[in-house]
Amino acid sequence: MTMNEQQNSEDPPPFVIPVPHSSQHSTSSIHDTIVPGQDPDIALDNGRTWNLGHEPWPKPVEGKLLLDELAAVYKKFVVLPEWAPEALALRTVHTHASHLREATAYLGIEYPQKPSRKARLLDVLGALVNRPVVSSHIRSRELLRLVDERRPTLLIDEIDNLLSGNDELRGLVNSDRRRSSAFVIRIANAPEITTASKPSAVIRSLPPVLAPGLTLFSSWCPKAMAAISRLPEMFAERCILIRMRRKTRKDHCEPVRNLAHYANSLRRKCARFVLDCSHKIANARPEIPRDMNGRLGDAWEPLLPLADLAGEPWPGLARQAARALAKKRRDNRGGKQIKSDL
């Protein structure tokens, strides 16, 4: 099979750790723009590259149809609560466009009981989001370097077990959603990362000199965290939270192996939509209704520009989904109002 045939294959991507283009760390700015190229590495105006992970779709993509198709695929392969398909569709496109925004969106998944096998929703997410990496069985230092250099979409299953007694990984997972403040400092066992490789806006917020022997890592990337029963509140309050429901006899899902018929084309369509709308996505200031102010609005702010660009009915659907999922979060916690919905 030739390379072109491999690129056009409908097989979903394996969960692999991407190979960095260079040994230097890079941090994209919200003002970076992408321009068409002949391969998945899109050149940025500052000389860096943003790897789309796959070749964009050859024709322009209509945002409404793309979101409709993504939501339909999630419904086809996963038993989901109401409004979850809309949220997942928007967040999937966001993982392909996260480098254009100052803030990213965290996804929280709660299972009422331990799944009989690996969580199906994470399987589907892994086939559709941009550059997925499953964080199990990887040490925190390696994961920090991976996130700092490559900005993957991080998928974390059974987060309560993975983070038990691991303060380093906890700091990475619970980092701020905003690019400018999502950093951790570690003692360096490898070549130092100097402030010269960080954007000027970040440097201004740091001490004049980073102490010798310390390494500054960016912990900023889209993350999805799954847990049995409930996510720890420190994570849940910062997430778009989806509480999965039990499958009934009336529910039917297609086998995950059939996802290969949709995954490659949908990833490429996401890449093309983001490529064509990059300037609008980067500069959008979405309207956030008054009843969505606070952390609820912050959690959805990266997704609303995508809904607005897609056109009707998606602007209304996105805001309805945000309110409905927030209400379910309150109901699942005994009706208690939590900080993220204030």
Protein backbone atom coordinates (compact mmCIF):
# COMPACT_ATOMS: atom_id res chain seq x y z
CA MET A 1 0.00 0.00 0.00
CA THR A 2 1.34 3.41 -0.96
CA MET A 3 1.61 6.37 1.40
CA ASN A 4 -1.30 8.13 -0.33
CA GLU A 5 -3.44 5.05 0.02
CA GLN A 6 -2.62 4.91 3.69
CA GLN A 7 -3.63 8.54 4.17
CA ASN A 8 -6.96 7.94 2.45
CA SER A 9 -7.68 4.80 4.46
CA GLU A 10 -10.79 4.81 6.65
CA ASP A 11 -8.98 3.01 9.46
CA PRO A 12 -9.02 4.92 12.78
CA PRO A 13 -5.62 6.09 14.03
CA PRO A 14 -3.80 3.95 16.57
CA PHE A 15 -3.17 5.37 20.02
CA VAL A 16 0.45 6.32 19.54
CA ILE A 17 2.70 8.95 21.03
CA PRO A 18 3.54 11.47 18.29
CA VAL A 19 7.21 12.02 17.49
CA PRO A 20 8.30 15.66 18.03
CA HIS A 21 9.63 17.54 15.01
CA SER A 22 12.55 18.87 17.03
CA SER A 23 14.05 18.75 20.48
CA GLN A 24 13.04 22.35 21.15
CA HIS A 25 9.83 23.12 23.01
CA SER A 26 7.37 25.43 21.35
CA THR A 27 4.25 27.17 22.53
CA SER A 28 1.79 28.53 19.96
CA SER A 29 0.21 31.92 20.46
CA ILE A 30 -3.50 32.59 20.17
CA HIS A 31 -2.60 34.89 17.28
CA ASP A 32 -0.86 32.14 15.30
CA THR A 33 -2.56 31.48 12.00
CA ILE A 34 -2.41 28.41 9.79
CA VAL A 35 -1.95 28.49 6.04
CA PRO A 36 -2.49 25.68 3.53
CA GLY A 37 0.39 23.34 2.87
CA GLN A 38 0.99 20.15 0.97
CA ASP A 39 1.23 17.97 4.03
CA PRO A 40 -0.37 17.76 7.49
CA ASP A 41 2.32 20.04 8.99
CA ILE A 42 0.87 23.52 8.63
CA ALA A 43 3.43 26.35 8.74
CA LEU A 44 2.78 29.13 11.25
CA ASP A 45 3.75 32.73 10.63
CA ASN A 46 6.45 32.57 13.32
CA GLY A 47 8.27 29.65 11.73
CA ARG A 48 6.76 26.93 13.92
CA THR A 49 4.44 24.23 12.68
CA TRP A 50 1.15 22.89 13.91
CA ASN A 51 0.64 19.25 13.04
CA LEU A 52 -2.96 18.58 12.03
CA GLY A 53 -2.35 14.85 12.41
CA HIS A 54 -3.87 14.06 9.01
CA GLU A 55 -4.47 15.55 5.58
CA PRO A 56 -7.39 18.02 5.42
CA TRP A 57 -10.49 17.15 3.41
CA PRO A 58 -10.01 18.19 -0.25
CA LYS A 59 -13.21 20.29 -0.44
CA PRO A 60 -14.64 23.05 1.78
CA VAL A 61 -16.73 21.70 4.66
CA GLU A 62 -19.99 23.21 5.90
CA GLY A 63 -19.88 23.52 9.68
CA LYS A 64 -23.51 22.60 10.28
CA LEU A 65 -23.25 19.38 8.30
CA LEU A 66 -19.98 18.48 10.02
CA LEU A 67 -21.46 18.91 13.51
CA ASP A 68 -24.63 17.05 12.50
CA GLU A 69 -22.55 14.14 11.23
CA LEU A 70 -20.36 14.02 14.33
CA ALA A 71 -23.36 14.05 16.66
CA ALA A 72 -25.00 11.27 14.62
CA VAL A 73 -21.86 9.12 14.82
CA TYR A 74 -21.67 9.50 18.61
CA LYS A 75 -25.33 8.45 18.86
CA LYS A 76 -24.70 5.51 16.56
CA PHE A 77 -21.84 4.02 18.59
CA VAL A 78 -22.45 5.07 22.21
CA VAL A 79 -25.45 5.07 24.55
CA LEU A 80 -25.49 8.69 25.65
CA PRO A 81 -27.65 10.93 27.82
CA GLU A 82 -29.59 13.79 26.26
CA TRP A 83 -27.50 16.72 24.97
CA ALA A 84 -24.25 14.76 25.19
CA PRO A 85 -23.95 14.16 21.40
CA GLU A 86 -24.11 17.90 20.74
CA ALA A 87 -21.46 18.64 23.37
CA LEU A 88 -19.20 15.87 22.08
CA ALA A 89 -19.53 17.01 18.46
CA LEU A 90 -18.49 20.56 19.35
CA ARG A 91 -15.64 19.45 21.55
CA THR A 92 -14.34 17.08 18.87
CA VAL A 93 -13.98 19.95 16.41
CA HIS A 94 -12.40 22.04 19.19
CA THR A 95 -9.56 19.52 19.59
CA HIS A 96 -8.63 20.30 15.97
CA ALA A 97 -8.85 24.05 16.63
CA SER A 98 -7.57 24.37 20.19
CA HIS A 99 -4.30 26.00 19.08
CA LEU A 100 -6.34 28.98 17.86
CA ARG A 101 -7.88 29.79 21.24
CA GLU A 102 -6.49 31.05 24.53
CA ALA A 103 -8.56 28.54 26.54
CA THR A 104 -9.33 24.88 25.94
CA ALA A 105 -12.29 22.73 26.99
CA TYR A 106 -12.01 19.88 29.48
CA LEU A 107 -14.39 16.94 29.24
CA GLY A 108 -15.44 14.91 32.28
CA ILE A 109 -17.09 11.49 31.94
CA GLU A 110 -18.77 9.68 34.84
CA TYR A 111 -19.89 6.06 34.68
CA PRO A 112 -22.57 4.87 37.15
CA GLN A 113 -20.78 1.51 37.39
CA LYS A 114 -17.60 -0.09 36.11
CA PRO A 115 -17.96 -0.84 32.39
CA SER A 116 -17.71 -4.49 31.41
CA ARG A 117 -14.86 -3.58 29.09
CA LYS A 118 -12.81 -0.55 28.11
CA ALA A 119 -15.03 2.53 28.03
CA ARG A 120 -16.66 2.70 24.62
CA LEU A 121 -16.93 6.49 24.63
CA LEU A 122 -13.15 6.83 24.96
CA ASP A 123 -12.77 4.46 21.99
CA VAL A 124 -14.94 6.72 19.85
CA LEU A 125 -13.29 9.90 21.11
CA GLY A 126 -9.89 8.42 20.33
CA ALA A 127 -10.92 7.80 16.73
CA LEU A 128 -12.30 11.31 16.12
CA VAL A 129 -10.33 13.86 18.14
CA ASN A 130 -7.04 15.38 17.02
CA ARG A 131 -3.88 13.44 17.95
CA PRO A 132 -5.25 11.32 20.83
CA VAL A 133 -2.97 9.99 23.55
CA VAL A 134 -4.14 7.63 26.28
CA SER A 135 -2.29 8.51 29.48
CA SER A 136 -2.29 5.11 31.16
CA HIS A 137 1.08 3.45 31.69
CA ILE A 138 3.16 6.56 31.08
CA ARG A 139 5.21 8.37 33.70
CA SER A 140 4.36 11.94 34.57
CA ARG A 141 7.67 13.41 33.38
CA GLU A 142 7.36 11.84 29.93
CA LEU A 143 3.74 12.94 29.77
CA LEU A 144 4.72 16.49 30.68
CA ARG A 145 7.24 16.63 27.84
CA LEU A 146 4.73 15.17 25.42
CA VAL A 147 2.05 17.73 26.32
CA ASP A 148 4.56 20.60 26.27
CA GLU A 149 5.94 19.70 22.84
CA ARG A 150 3.04 18.21 20.92
CA ARG A 151 -0.27 19.43 22.41
CA PRO A 152 -2.12 16.10 22.07
CA THR A 153 -5.69 15.43 23.10
CA LEU A 154 -5.22 13.64 26.40
CA LEU A 155 -7.64 10.79 27.22
CA ILE A 156 -7.52 9.56 30.82
CA ASP A 157 -9.53 6.51 31.88
CA GLU A 158 -10.21 5.65 35.54
CA ILE A 159 -8.58 8.87 36.61
CA ASP A 160 -9.12 8.20 40.32
CA ASN A 161 -6.87 5.11 40.16
CA LEU A 162 -4.28 6.70 37.91
CA LEU A 163 -3.83 9.76 40.11
CA SER A 164 -3.82 7.94 43.45
CA GLY A 165 -0.66 9.10 45.23
CA ASN A 166 0.69 10.77 42.07
CA ASP A 167 0.90 14.47 42.86
CA GLU A 168 2.94 15.27 39.74
CA LEU A 169 0.32 13.83 37.42
CA ARG A 170 -2.45 15.46 39.45
CA GLY A 171 -0.87 18.86 38.84
CA LEU A 172 -0.72 18.22 35.10
CA VAL A 173 -4.31 17.03 34.84
CA ASN A 174 -5.74 19.79 37.00
CA SER A 175 -3.86 22.63 35.31
CA ASP A 176 -5.64 25.75 34.19
CA ARG A 177 -7.70 25.77 31.01
CA ARG A 178 -6.00 28.98 29.89
CA ARG A 179 -2.81 28.70 27.89
CA SER A 180 -1.06 31.62 29.62
CA SER A 181 -1.30 30.08 33.11
CA ALA A 182 -1.14 26.32 32.45
CA PHE A 183 2.45 25.63 33.48
CA VAL A 184 4.22 23.40 35.97
CA ILE A 185 7.82 23.66 37.18
CA ARG A 186 9.93 20.57 37.74
CA ILE A 187 13.53 19.82 38.67
CA ALA A 188 15.41 19.24 35.43
CA ASN A 189 16.98 15.89 34.64
CA ALA A 190 17.22 16.79 30.97
CA PRO A 191 18.37 19.80 28.93
CA GLU A 192 16.80 22.91 30.40
CA ILE A 193 13.89 24.69 28.81
CA THR A 194 14.72 28.35 29.02
CA THR A 195 12.28 31.24 29.00
CA ALA A 196 13.57 32.11 25.53
CA SER A 197 11.37 29.37 24.10
CA LYS A 198 8.21 30.75 25.74
CA PRO A 199 5.92 33.47 24.35
CA SER A 200 6.53 37.03 25.53
CA ALA A 201 3.17 37.24 27.30
CA VAL A 202 4.15 34.28 29.47
CA ILE A 203 7.67 35.55 30.10
CA ARG A 204 6.30 38.82 31.47
CA SER A 205 4.34 36.90 34.09
CA LEU A 206 7.42 34.93 35.26
CA PRO A 207 10.29 35.93 37.53
CA PRO A 208 13.15 37.61 35.61
CA VAL A 209 15.24 34.42 35.60
CA LEU A 210 14.08 30.82 35.91
CA ALA A 211 16.16 29.29 38.68
CA PRO A 212 18.99 27.04 37.44
CA GLY A 213 18.13 23.35 37.51
CA LEU A 214 14.40 23.93 37.03
CA THR A 215 12.34 23.17 33.95
CA LEU A 216 9.18 24.96 32.91
CA PHE A 217 6.58 22.73 31.22
CA SER A 218 3.37 23.82 29.57
CA SER A 219 0.54 21.54 30.70
CA TRP A 220 -1.96 23.02 28.28
CA CYS A 221 -3.93 20.73 25.96
CA PRO A 222 -7.47 19.39 25.56
CA LYS A 223 -8.18 16.71 28.16
CA ALA A 224 -10.93 14.14 28.71
CA MET A 225 -11.13 12.44 32.10
CA ALA A 226 -13.29 9.43 32.94
CA ALA A 227 -14.12 7.97 36.33
CA ILE A 228 -16.41 5.38 37.86
CA SER A 229 -19.15 6.90 40.05
CA ARG A 230 -17.91 10.50 40.30
CA LEU A 231 -14.98 12.57 39.23
CA PRO A 232 -13.17 14.31 42.09
CA GLU A 233 -14.84 17.68 42.50
CA MET A 234 -11.58 19.52 41.82
CA PHE A 235 -11.77 18.16 38.27
CA ALA A 236 -15.54 18.03 37.78
CA GLU A 237 -16.08 21.71 38.48
CA ARG A 238 -13.83 22.65 35.56
CA CYS A 239 -15.25 20.20 33.03
CA ILE A 240 -18.12 19.85 30.63
CA LEU A 241 -19.50 16.91 32.58
CA ILE A 242 -21.34 13.98 31.00
CA ARG A 243 -22.95 11.44 33.31
CA MET A 244 -23.29 8.21 31.32
CA ARG A 245 -26.41 6.11 31.67
CA ARG A 246 -26.84 2.36 31.80
CA LYS A 247 -27.61 0.56 28.57
CA THR A 248 -31.09 -0.96 28.36
CA ARG A 249 -32.50 -3.70 26.15
CA LYS A 250 -34.00 -1.04 23.90
CA ASP A 251 -30.63 0.55 23.23
CA HIS A 252 -28.61 -0.49 20.22
CA CYS A 253 -25.07 0.51 19.30
CA GLU A 254 -23.08 -0.46 16.26
CA PRO A 255 -19.84 -2.37 16.89
CA VAL A 256 -16.87 -0.06 17.35
CA ARG A 257 -15.08 -1.82 14.50
CA ASN A 258 -17.58 -0.17 12.13
CA LEU A 259 -16.33 3.24 13.23
CA ALA A 260 -13.52 2.89 10.68
CA HIS A 261 -16.04 3.72 7.95
CA TYR A 262 -16.50 7.22 9.40
CA ALA A 263 -13.44 8.16 11.43
CA ASN A 264 -10.85 9.11 8.82
CA SER A 265 -13.17 11.24 6.73
CA LEU A 266 -14.54 13.03 9.82
CA ARG A 267 -11.06 13.85 11.13
CA ARG A 268 -10.10 15.23 7.72
CA LYS A 269 -13.32 17.27 7.53
CA CYS A 270 -12.62 18.73 10.97
CA ALA A 271 -9.14 19.71 9.81
CA ARG A 272 -10.47 21.37 6.64
CA PHE A 273 -13.18 23.29 8.50
CA VAL A 274 -10.63 24.60 11.00
CA LEU A 275 -8.17 25.42 8.22
CA ASP A 276 -10.72 27.49 6.31
CA CYS A 277 -12.13 29.25 9.39
CA SER A 278 -8.91 29.69 11.38
CA HIS A 279 -8.99 33.49 11.45
CA LYS A 280 -12.65 33.61 12.52
CA ILE A 281 -12.11 30.95 15.21
CA ALA A 282 -9.06 32.72 16.63
CA ASN A 283 -10.73 36.13 16.82
CA ALA A 284 -14.27 35.13 17.82
CA ARG A 285 -15.80 36.63 20.94
CA PRO A 286 -18.92 34.52 21.45
CA GLU A 287 -21.99 35.85 23.20
CA ILE A 288 -22.38 34.13 26.56
CA PRO A 289 -25.89 34.43 28.05
CA ARG A 290 -26.16 35.95 31.49
CA ASP A 291 -27.34 32.67 33.02
CA MET A 292 -24.13 31.04 31.76
CA ASN A 293 -21.75 33.49 33.40
CA GLY A 294 -18.97 32.18 35.65
CA ARG A 295 -17.35 28.78 35.31
CA LEU A 296 -20.12 27.35 33.17
CA GLY A 297 -19.51 30.03 30.55
CA ASP A 298 -15.75 29.60 30.87
CA ALA A 299 -16.04 25.84 30.24
CA TRP A 300 -18.09 26.38 27.07
CA GLU A 301 -16.42 29.52 25.75
CA PRO A 302 -13.99 27.61 23.43
CA LEU A 303 -16.90 25.69 21.87
CA LEU A 304 -19.38 28.50 21.25
CA PRO A 305 -17.44 30.09 18.34
CA LEU A 306 -17.63 26.76 16.49
CA ALA A 307 -21.39 26.57 17.02
CA ASP A 308 -21.83 30.18 15.90
CA LEU A 309 -19.75 29.61 12.75
CA ALA A 310 -21.77 26.49 11.90
CA GLY A 311 -25.01 28.48 11.87
CA GLU A 312 -28.53 27.53 12.83
CA PRO A 313 -29.57 25.58 14.77
CA TRP A 314 -26.15 25.08 16.41
CA PRO A 315 -25.77 28.41 18.26
CA GLY A 316 -28.95 27.66 20.19
CA LEU A 317 -28.21 23.95 20.55
CA ALA A 318 -24.80 24.65 22.12
CA ARG A 319 -26.21 26.98 24.75
CA GLN A 320 -29.13 24.63 25.47
CA ALA A 321 -26.72 21.73 25.89
CA ALA A 322 -24.58 23.77 28.31
CA ARG A 323 -27.57 24.60 30.51
CA ALA A 324 -29.04 21.08 30.40
CA LEU A 325 -25.78 19.30 31.25
CA ALA A 326 -25.14 21.79 34.08
CA LYS A 327 -28.59 21.06 35.51
CA LYS A 328 -27.93 17.32 35.34
CA ARG A 329 -24.67 17.89 37.19
CA ARG A 330 -26.54 19.64 40.00
CA ASP A 331 -29.22 16.93 40.12
CA ASN A 332 -26.61 14.16 40.28
CA ARG A 333 -25.02 15.84 43.26
CA GLY A 334 -28.18 15.97 45.29
CA GLY A 335 -29.39 19.30 43.95
CA LYS A 336 -26.42 21.14 45.40
CA GLN A 337 -25.45 24.28 43.50
CA ILE A 338 -21.76 24.11 42.72
CA LYS A 339 -19.29 26.85 41.97
CA SER A 340 -19.00 26.06 38.28
CA ASP A 341 -22.64 26.97 37.65
CA LEU A 342 -22.62 30.32 39.44
